[in-house]
PDB file of all heavy atoms in Angstrom:
ATOM      1  N   ALA A   1     114.888  69.899  80.653  1.00  0.00           N
ATOM      2  CA  ALA A   1     115.372  69.052  79.712  1.00  0.00           C
ATOM      3  C   ALA A   1     115.313  67.551  80.133  1.00  0.00           C
ATOM      4  O   ALA A   1     115.064  66.523  79.294  1.00  0.00           O
ATOM      5  CB  ALA A   1     116.775  69.353  79.284  1.00  0.00           C
ATOM      6  N   LEU A   2     115.572  67.398  81.363  1.00  0.00           N
ATOM      7  CA  LEU A   2     115.321  65.970  81.938  1.00  0.00           C
ATOM      8  C   LEU A   2     113.970  65.507  81.925  1.00  0.00           C
ATOM      9  O   LEU A   2     113.728  64.375  81.574  1.00  0.00           O
ATOM     10  CB  LEU A   2     115.891  65.909  83.405  1.00  0.00           C
ATOM     11  CG  LEU A   2     117.484  66.096  83.619  1.00  0.00           C
ATOM     12  CD1 LEU A   2     117.722  66.127  85.118  1.00  0.00           C
ATOM     13  CD2 LEU A   2     118.302  64.882  82.928  1.00  0.00           C
ATOM     14  N   ARG A   3     113.019  66.302  82.187  1.00  0.00           N
ATOM     15  CA  ARG A   3     111.650  65.932  82.024  1.00  0.00           C
ATOM     16  C   ARG A   3     111.236  65.624  80.601  1.00  0.00           C
ATOM     17  O   ARG A   3     110.496  64.656  80.466  1.00  0.00           O
ATOM     18  CB  ARG A   3     110.854  67.161  82.574  1.00  0.00           C
ATOM     19  CG  ARG A   3     110.844  67.386  84.005  1.00  0.00           C
ATOM     20  CD  ARG A   3     109.631  68.228  84.566  1.00  0.00           C
ATOM     21  NE  ARG A   3     109.703  68.429  85.955  1.00  0.00           N
ATOM     22  CZ  ARG A   3     110.224  69.565  86.537  1.00  0.00           C
ATOM     23  NH1 ARG A   3     110.817  70.497  85.627  1.00  0.00           N
ATOM     24  NH2 ARG A   3     110.228  69.800  87.732  1.00  0.00           N
ATOM     25  N   GLN A   4     111.895  66.343  79.629  1.00  0.00           N
ATOM     26  CA  GLN A   4     111.420  66.193  78.237  1.00  0.00           C
ATOM     27  C   GLN A   4     112.333  65.138  77.480  1.00  0.00           C
ATOM     28  O   GLN A   4     111.762  64.469  76.605  1.00  0.00           O
ATOM     29  CB  GLN A   4     111.665  67.364  77.532  1.00  0.00           C
ATOM     30  CG  GLN A   4     110.725  68.588  77.966  1.00  0.00           C
ATOM     31  CD  GLN A   4     110.917  69.982  77.217  1.00  0.00           C
ATOM     32  OE1 GLN A   4     111.800  70.056  76.396  1.00  0.00           O
ATOM     33  NE2 GLN A   4     110.154  70.885  77.592  1.00  0.00           N
ATOM     34  N   GLU A   5     113.426  64.829  78.000  1.00  0.00           N
ATOM     35  CA  GLU A   5     114.364  63.959  77.285  1.00  0.00           C
ATOM     36  C   GLU A   5     114.581  62.547  77.996  1.00  0.00           C
ATOM     37  O   GLU A   5     114.500  61.442  77.440  1.00  0.00           O
ATOM     38  CB  GLU A   5     115.722  64.567  77.015  1.00  0.00           C
ATOM     39  CG  GLU A   5     115.559  65.767  76.152  1.00  0.00           C
ATOM     40  CD  GLU A   5     115.264  65.568  74.761  1.00  0.00           C
ATOM     41  OE1 GLU A   5     115.258  64.412  74.206  1.00  0.00           O
ATOM     42  OE2 GLU A   5     114.628  66.571  74.190  1.00  0.00           O
ATOM     43  N   PHE A   6     114.884  62.761  79.327  1.00  0.00           N
ATOM     44  CA  PHE A   6     115.365  61.619  80.053  1.00  0.00           C
ATOM     45  C   PHE A   6     114.062  60.865  80.746  1.00  0.00           C
ATOM     46  O   PHE A   6     114.097  59.512  80.628  1.00  0.00           O
ATOM     47  CB  PHE A   6     116.347  61.974  81.235  1.00  0.00           C
ATOM     48  CG  PHE A   6     116.815  60.824  81.947  1.00  0.00           C
ATOM     49  CD1 PHE A   6     117.707  59.874  81.347  1.00  0.00           C
ATOM     50  CD2 PHE A   6     116.750  60.683  83.433  1.00  0.00           C
ATOM     51  CE1 PHE A   6     118.176  58.890  82.036  1.00  0.00           C
ATOM     52  CE2 PHE A   6     117.222  59.596  83.993  1.00  0.00           C
ATOM     53  CZ  PHE A   6     118.027  58.664  83.323  1.00  0.00           C
ATOM     54  N   GLU A   7     113.274  61.459  81.339  1.00  0.00           N
ATOM     55  CA  GLU A   7     111.945  60.830  81.806  1.00  0.00           C
ATOM     56  C   GLU A   7     111.265  60.066  80.777  1.00  0.00           C
ATOM     57  O   GLU A   7     110.898  58.860  81.076  1.00  0.00           O
ATOM     58  CB  GLU A   7     111.246  61.717  82.580  1.00  0.00           C
ATOM     59  CG  GLU A   7     111.786  62.306  84.016  1.00  0.00           C
ATOM     60  CD  GLU A   7     110.894  62.887  84.865  1.00  0.00           C
ATOM     61  OE1 GLU A   7     109.622  63.013  84.508  1.00  0.00           O
ATOM     62  OE2 GLU A   7     111.261  63.617  85.852  1.00  0.00           O
ATOM     63  N   PRO A   8     110.994  60.576  79.639  1.00  0.00           N
ATOM     64  CA  PRO A   8     110.346  59.758  78.661  1.00  0.00           C
ATOM     65  C   PRO A   8     111.171  58.463  78.310  1.00  0.00           C
ATOM     66  O   PRO A   8     110.570  57.466  77.967  1.00  0.00           O
ATOM     67  CB  PRO A   8     110.213  60.666  77.387  1.00  0.00           C
ATOM     68  CG  PRO A   8     110.173  62.047  78.024  1.00  0.00           C
ATOM     69  CD  PRO A   8     111.069  62.051  79.169  1.00  0.00           C
ATOM     70  N   ALA A   9     112.446  58.592  78.265  1.00  0.00           N
ATOM     71  CA  ALA A   9     113.311  57.333  77.970  1.00  0.00           C
ATOM     72  C   ALA A   9     113.155  56.309  78.985  1.00  0.00           C
ATOM     73  O   ALA A   9     113.037  55.137  78.704  1.00  0.00           O
ATOM     74  CB  ALA A   9     114.815  57.803  77.713  1.00  0.00           C
ATOM     75  N   ILE A  10     113.057  56.934  80.228  1.00  0.00           N
ATOM     76  CA  ILE A  10     112.878  55.880  81.357  1.00  0.00           C
ATOM     77  C   ILE A  10     111.432  55.148  81.225  1.00  0.00           C
ATOM     78  O   ILE A  10     111.286  54.013  81.452  1.00  0.00           O
ATOM     79  CB  ILE A  10     113.013  56.674  82.676  1.00  0.00           C
ATOM     80  CG1 ILE A  10     114.460  56.911  83.025  1.00  0.00           C
ATOM     81  CG2 ILE A  10     112.375  55.724  83.812  1.00  0.00           C
ATOM     82  CD1 ILE A  10     115.265  55.912  83.592  1.00  0.00           C
ATOM     83  N   GLN A  11     110.484  56.061  80.938  1.00  0.00           N
ATOM     84  CA  GLN A  11     109.142  55.518  80.854  1.00  0.00           C
ATOM     85  C   GLN A  11     108.968  54.596  79.716  1.00  0.00           C
ATOM     86  O   GLN A  11     108.391  53.432  79.886  1.00  0.00           O
ATOM     87  CB  GLN A  11     108.128  56.571  80.776  1.00  0.00           C
ATOM     88  CG  GLN A  11     106.574  56.179  80.881  1.00  0.00           C
ATOM     89  CD  GLN A  11     106.401  55.587  82.266  1.00  0.00           C
ATOM     90  OE1 GLN A  11     106.562  56.340  83.237  1.00  0.00           O
ATOM     91  NE2 GLN A  11     106.054  54.409  82.390  1.00  0.00           N
ATOM     92  N   ARG A  12     109.438  54.749  78.600  1.00  0.00           N
ATOM     93  CA  ARG A  12     109.577  53.890  77.406  1.00  0.00           C
ATOM     94  C   ARG A  12     110.284  52.554  77.840  1.00  0.00           C
ATOM     95  O   ARG A  12     109.749  51.455  77.448  1.00  0.00           O
ATOM     96  CB  ARG A  12     110.209  54.485  76.156  1.00  0.00           C
ATOM     97  CG  ARG A  12     109.523  55.545  75.575  1.00  0.00           C
ATOM     98  CD  ARG A  12     110.038  55.865  74.216  1.00  0.00           C
ATOM     99  NE  ARG A  12     111.306  56.414  74.258  1.00  0.00           N
ATOM    100  CZ  ARG A  12     111.598  57.723  74.468  1.00  0.00           C
ATOM    101  NH1 ARG A  12     110.598  58.638  74.510  1.00  0.00           N
ATOM    102  NH2 ARG A  12     112.810  58.265  74.544  1.00  0.00           N
ATOM    103  N   TYR A  13     111.314  52.649  78.575  1.00  0.00           N
ATOM    104  CA  TYR A  13     112.100  51.458  79.044  1.00  0.00           C
ATOM    105  C   TYR A  13     111.083  50.627  79.992  1.00  0.00           C
ATOM    106  O   TYR A  13     111.067  49.464  79.887  1.00  0.00           O
ATOM    107  CB  TYR A  13     113.229  51.983  79.973  1.00  0.00           C
ATOM    108  CG  TYR A  13     114.068  51.083  80.829  1.00  0.00           C
ATOM    109  CD1 TYR A  13     114.870  50.035  80.401  1.00  0.00           C
ATOM    110  CD2 TYR A  13     113.683  51.223  82.224  1.00  0.00           C
ATOM    111  CE1 TYR A  13     115.502  49.244  81.316  1.00  0.00           C
ATOM    112  CE2 TYR A  13     114.285  50.240  83.145  1.00  0.00           C
ATOM    113  CZ  TYR A  13     115.266  49.437  82.700  1.00  0.00           C
ATOM    114  OH  TYR A  13     115.945  48.641  83.538  1.00  0.00           O
ATOM    115  N   LEU A  14     110.364  51.256  80.951  1.00  0.00           N
ATOM    116  CA  LEU A  14     109.430  50.503  81.867  1.00  0.00           C
ATOM    117  C   LEU A  14     108.348  49.924  81.006  1.00  0.00           C
ATOM    118  O   LEU A  14     107.971  48.794  81.259  1.00  0.00           O
ATOM    119  CB  LEU A  14     109.032  51.505  82.987  1.00  0.00           C
ATOM    120  CG  LEU A  14     110.003  52.127  83.777  1.00  0.00           C
ATOM    121  CD1 LEU A  14     109.184  53.141  84.840  1.00  0.00           C
ATOM    122  CD2 LEU A  14     110.646  51.072  84.491  1.00  0.00           C
ATOM    123  N   ASP A  15     107.759  50.650  79.995  1.00  0.00           N
ATOM    124  CA  ASP A  15     106.647  50.226  79.180  1.00  0.00           C
ATOM    125  C   ASP A  15     107.124  48.897  78.529  1.00  0.00           C
ATOM    126  O   ASP A  15     106.317  47.912  78.362  1.00  0.00           O
ATOM    127  CB  ASP A  15     106.205  51.191  78.292  1.00  0.00           C
ATOM    128  CG  ASP A  15     105.542  52.427  78.864  1.00  0.00           C
ATOM    129  OD1 ASP A  15     105.202  52.186  79.961  1.00  0.00           O
ATOM    130  OD2 ASP A  15     105.485  53.524  78.275  1.00  0.00           O
ATOM    131  N   ARG A  16     108.359  48.960  77.996  1.00  0.00           N
ATOM    132  CA  ARG A  16     108.719  47.650  77.196  1.00  0.00           C
ATOM    133  C   ARG A  16     108.948  46.431  78.119  1.00  0.00           C
ATOM    134  O   ARG A  16     108.668  45.338  77.828  1.00  0.00           O
ATOM    135  CB  ARG A  16     110.010  47.990  76.414  1.00  0.00           C
ATOM    136  CG  ARG A  16     109.927  48.877  75.188  1.00  0.00           C
ATOM    137  CD  ARG A  16     111.196  48.800  74.442  1.00  0.00           C
ATOM    138  NE  ARG A  16     112.236  49.451  75.131  1.00  0.00           N
ATOM    139  CZ  ARG A  16     112.656  50.689  75.122  1.00  0.00           C
ATOM    140  NH1 ARG A  16     111.914  51.540  74.451  1.00  0.00           N
ATOM    141  NH2 ARG A  16     113.718  51.174  75.693  1.00  0.00           N
ATOM    142  N   LEU A  17     109.422  46.814  79.406  1.00  0.00           N
ATOM    143  CA  LEU A  17     109.514  45.772  80.335  1.00  0.00           C
ATOM    144  C   LEU A  17     108.136  45.126  80.717  1.00  0.00           C
ATOM    145  O   LEU A  17     108.114  44.030  81.036  1.00  0.00           O
ATOM    146  CB  LEU A  17     110.316  46.252  81.619  1.00  0.00           C
ATOM    147  CG  LEU A  17     111.858  46.530  81.282  1.00  0.00           C
ATOM    148  CD1 LEU A  17     112.446  47.158  82.493  1.00  0.00           C
ATOM    149  CD2 LEU A  17     112.547  45.244  80.764  1.00  0.00           C
ATOM    150  N   VAL A  18     107.140  46.033  81.029  1.00  0.00           N
ATOM    151  CA  VAL A  18     105.796  45.647  81.226  1.00  0.00           C
ATOM    152  C   VAL A  18     105.327  44.658  80.141  1.00  0.00           C
ATOM    153  O   VAL A  18     104.674  43.648  80.521  1.00  0.00           O
ATOM    154  CB  VAL A  18     104.886  46.809  81.571  1.00  0.00           C
ATOM    155  CG1 VAL A  18     103.463  46.260  81.612  1.00  0.00           C
ATOM    156  CG2 VAL A  18     105.255  47.400  82.747  1.00  0.00           C
ATOM    157  N   ASP A  19     105.529  45.006  78.953  1.00  0.00           N
ATOM    158  CA  ASP A  19     105.086  44.222  77.785  1.00  0.00           C
ATOM    159  C   ASP A  19     105.783  42.872  77.885  1.00  0.00           C
ATOM    160  O   ASP A  19     105.208  41.897  77.344  1.00  0.00           O
ATOM    161  CB  ASP A  19     105.379  44.903  76.424  1.00  0.00           C
ATOM    162  CG  ASP A  19     104.386  46.095  76.300  1.00  0.00           C
ATOM    163  OD1 ASP A  19     103.451  46.160  76.894  1.00  0.00           O
ATOM    164  OD2 ASP A  19     104.906  46.922  75.470  1.00  0.00           O
ATOM    165  N   ALA A  20     106.925  42.769  78.336  1.00  0.00           N
ATOM    166  CA  ALA A  20     107.794  41.524  78.451  1.00  0.00           C
ATOM    167  C   ALA A  20     107.439  40.582  79.703  1.00  0.00           C
ATOM    168  O   ALA A  20     108.100  39.632  79.795  1.00  0.00           O
ATOM    169  CB  ALA A  20     109.240  41.876  78.288  1.00  0.00           C
ATOM    170  N   LEU A  21     106.627  41.201  80.596  1.00  0.00           N
ATOM    171  CA  LEU A  21     106.398  40.381  81.819  1.00  0.00           C
ATOM    172  C   LEU A  21     105.796  39.070  81.547  1.00  0.00           C
ATOM    173  O   LEU A  21     104.952  38.899  80.718  1.00  0.00           O
ATOM    174  CB  LEU A  21     105.440  41.161  82.769  1.00  0.00           C
ATOM    175  CG  LEU A  21     106.048  42.486  83.503  1.00  0.00           C
ATOM    176  CD1 LEU A  21     104.871  43.089  84.238  1.00  0.00           C
ATOM    177  CD2 LEU A  21     107.092  42.025  84.453  1.00  0.00           C
ATOM    178  N   PRO A  22     106.242  37.931  82.370  1.00  0.00           N
ATOM    179  CA  PRO A  22     105.591  36.824  82.263  1.00  0.00           C
ATOM    180  C   PRO A  22     104.007  36.938  82.539  1.00  0.00           C
ATOM    181  O   PRO A  22     103.574  37.745  83.393  1.00  0.00           O
ATOM    182  CB  PRO A  22     106.200  35.897  83.470  1.00  0.00           C
ATOM    183  CG  PRO A  22     107.488  36.481  83.565  1.00  0.00           C
ATOM    184  CD  PRO A  22     107.287  38.051  83.339  1.00  0.00           C
ATOM    185  N   SER A  23     103.298  36.024  81.880  1.00  0.00           N
ATOM    186  CA  SER A  23     101.915  36.230  81.902  1.00  0.00           C
ATOM    187  C   SER A  23     101.383  36.163  83.264  1.00  0.00           C
ATOM    188  O   SER A  23     100.203  36.774  83.633  1.00  0.00           O
ATOM    189  CB  SER A  23     101.153  35.270  80.994  1.00  0.00           C
ATOM    190  OG  SER A  23     101.536  33.869  81.527  1.00  0.00           O
ATOM    191  N   ARG A  24     101.847  35.427  84.228  1.00  0.00           N
ATOM    192  CA  ARG A  24     101.197  35.361  85.597  1.00  0.00           C
ATOM    193  C   ARG A  24     101.615  36.533  86.477  1.00  0.00           C
ATOM    194  O   ARG A  24     100.967  36.765  87.455  1.00  0.00           O
ATOM    195  CB  ARG A  24     101.841  34.167  86.346  1.00  0.00           C
ATOM    196  CG  ARG A  24     101.167  32.809  85.840  1.00  0.00           C
ATOM    197  CD  ARG A  24     101.489  31.725  86.926  1.00  0.00           C
ATOM    198  NE  ARG A  24     101.006  30.335  86.475  1.00  0.00           N
ATOM    199  CZ  ARG A  24      99.719  30.028  86.805  1.00  0.00           C
ATOM    200  NH1 ARG A  24      98.955  30.778  87.257  1.00  0.00           N
ATOM    201  NH2 ARG A  24      99.485  28.789  86.386  1.00  0.00           N
ATOM    202  N   LEU A  25     102.496  37.434  85.962  1.00  0.00           N
ATOM    203  CA  LEU A  25     102.887  38.537  86.715  1.00  0.00           C
ATOM    204  C   LEU A  25     102.086  39.846  86.131  1.00  0.00           C
ATOM    205  O   LEU A  25     102.256  40.017  84.911  1.00  0.00           O
ATOM    206  CB  LEU A  25     104.327  38.855  86.727  1.00  0.00           C
ATOM    207  CG  LEU A  25     105.241  37.732  87.329  1.00  0.00           C
ATOM    208  CD1 LEU A  25     106.565  38.147  87.367  1.00  0.00           C
ATOM    209  CD2 LEU A  25     104.746  37.125  88.493  1.00  0.00           C
ATOM    210  N   ASP A  26     101.326  40.519  86.934  1.00  0.00           N
ATOM    211  CA  ASP A  26     100.540  41.544  86.455  1.00  0.00           C
ATOM    212  C   ASP A  26     100.573  42.761  87.539  1.00  0.00           C
ATOM    213  O   ASP A  26      99.934  42.667  88.363  1.00  0.00           O
ATOM    214  CB  ASP A  26      99.059  41.201  86.150  1.00  0.00           C
ATOM    215  CG  ASP A  26      98.230  42.224  85.591  1.00  0.00           C
ATOM    216  OD1 ASP A  26      98.798  43.238  85.009  1.00  0.00           O
ATOM    217  OD2 ASP A  26      97.065  42.157  85.561  1.00  0.00           O
ATOM    218  N   PHE A  27     101.509  43.743  87.164  1.00  0.00           N
ATOM    219  CA  PHE A  27     101.446  44.958  88.005  1.00  0.00           C
ATOM    220  C   PHE A  27     102.071  46.107  87.206  1.00  0.00           C
ATOM    221  O   PHE A  27     102.567  45.848  86.056  1.00  0.00           O
ATOM    222  CB  PHE A  27     102.488  44.643  89.292  1.00  0.00           C
ATOM    223  CG  PHE A  27     103.740  44.401  88.916  1.00  0.00           C
ATOM    224  CD1 PHE A  27     104.819  45.308  88.948  1.00  0.00           C
ATOM    225  CD2 PHE A  27     104.206  43.001  88.789  1.00  0.00           C
ATOM    226  CE1 PHE A  27     106.083  44.933  88.729  1.00  0.00           C
ATOM    227  CE2 PHE A  27     105.483  42.729  88.577  1.00  0.00           C
ATOM    228  CZ  PHE A  27     106.369  43.644  88.483  1.00  0.00           C
ATOM    229  N   LYS A  28     101.979  47.218  87.672  1.00  0.00           N
ATOM    230  CA  LYS A  28     102.314  48.461  86.961  1.00  0.00           C
ATOM    231  C   LYS A  28     103.714  48.931  87.474  1.00  0.00           C
ATOM    232  O   LYS A  28     104.016  48.898  88.540  1.00  0.00           O
ATOM    233  CB  LYS A  28     101.370  49.651  87.181  1.00  0.00           C
ATOM    234  CG  LYS A  28      99.788  49.234  86.590  1.00  0.00           C
ATOM    235  CD  LYS A  28      98.905  50.425  86.907  1.00  0.00           C
ATOM    236  CE  LYS A  28      97.593  50.265  86.081  1.00  0.00           C
ATOM    237  NZ  LYS A  28      97.021  49.219  86.569  1.00  0.00           N
ATOM    238  N   LEU A  29     104.549  49.352  86.371  1.00  0.00           N
ATOM    239  CA  LEU A  29     105.747  50.033  86.637  1.00  0.00           C
ATOM    240  C   LEU A  29     105.612  51.361  86.021  1.00  0.00           C
ATOM    241  O   LEU A  29     105.303  51.562  84.892  1.00  0.00           O
ATOM    242  CB  LEU A  29     106.897  49.288  85.890  1.00  0.00           C
ATOM    243  CG  LEU A  29     107.311  48.002  86.595  1.00  0.00           C
ATOM    244  CD1 LEU A  29     108.355  47.290  85.571  1.00  0.00           C
ATOM    245  CD2 LEU A  29     107.909  48.173  87.957  1.00  0.00           C
ATOM    246  N   ASN A  30     105.983  52.456  86.887  1.00  0.00           N
ATOM    247  CA  ASN A  30     105.944  53.841  86.212  1.00  0.00           C
ATOM    248  C   ASN A  30     106.820  54.662  86.992  1.00  0.00           C
ATOM    249  O   ASN A  30     107.477  54.275  88.078  1.00  0.00           O
ATOM    250  CB  ASN A  30     104.364  54.330  86.367  1.00  0.00           C
ATOM    251  CG  ASN A  30     103.888  54.167  87.733  1.00  0.00           C
ATOM    252  OD1 ASN A  30     104.427  54.783  88.694  1.00  0.00           O
ATOM    253  ND2 ASN A  30     102.696  53.615  87.913  1.00  0.00           N
ATOM    254  N   LEU A  31     106.993  55.970  86.542  1.00  0.00           N
ATOM    255  CA  LEU A  31     107.872  56.831  87.288  1.00  0.00           C
ATOM    256  C   LEU A  31     107.516  57.172  88.788  1.00  0.00           C
ATOM    257  O   LEU A  31     108.383  57.582  89.484  1.00  0.00           O
ATOM    258  CB  LEU A  31     108.055  58.105  86.476  1.00  0.00           C
ATOM    259  CG  LEU A  31     108.630  58.140  85.122  1.00  0.00           C
ATOM    260  CD1 LEU A  31     108.609  59.428  84.447  1.00  0.00           C
ATOM    261  CD2 LEU A  31     110.086  57.548  85.247  1.00  0.00           C
ATOM    262  N   GLY A  32     106.332  56.922  89.145  1.00  0.00           N
ATOM    263  CA  GLY A  32     105.938  57.070  90.413  1.00  0.00           C
ATOM    264  C   GLY A  32     106.635  56.032  91.347  1.00  0.00           C
ATOM    265  O   GLY A  32     106.805  56.268  92.553  1.00  0.00           O
ATOM    266  N   ASN A  33     106.766  54.870  90.772  1.00  0.00           N
ATOM    267  CA  ASN A  33     107.511  53.841  91.630  1.00  0.00           C
ATOM    268  C   ASN A  33     109.033  53.915  91.674  1.00  0.00           C
ATOM    269  O   ASN A  33     109.637  53.426  92.490  1.00  0.00           O
ATOM    270  CB  ASN A  33     107.058  52.441  90.973  1.00  0.00           C
ATOM    271  CG  ASN A  33     105.588  52.107  91.058  1.00  0.00           C
ATOM    272  OD1 ASN A  33     104.970  52.669  91.937  1.00  0.00           O
ATOM    273  ND2 ASN A  33     105.138  51.302  90.074  1.00  0.00           N
ATOM    274  N   ILE A  34     109.560  54.638  90.660  1.00  0.00           N
ATOM    275  CA  ILE A  34     110.987  54.845  90.519  1.00  0.00           C
ATOM    276  C   ILE A  34     111.287  56.106  91.198  1.00  0.00           C
ATOM    277  O   ILE A  34     110.904  57.162  90.677  1.00  0.00           O
ATOM    278  CB  ILE A  34     111.467  54.903  89.169  1.00  0.00           C
ATOM    279  CG1 ILE A  34     111.036  53.728  88.288  1.00  0.00           C
ATOM    280  CG2 ILE A  34     113.109  54.864  89.085  1.00  0.00           C
ATOM    281  CD1 ILE A  34     111.350  52.266  88.888  1.00  0.00           C
TER     282      ILE A  34
END
């Protein structure tokens, strides 16, 4: 259930933050880093 419910919520959170990054900052955030 954590894989199906919580991890996708975390990944969506990271994806939204990547979209909001200042243009000069370019790097990946994913569950592998957390």
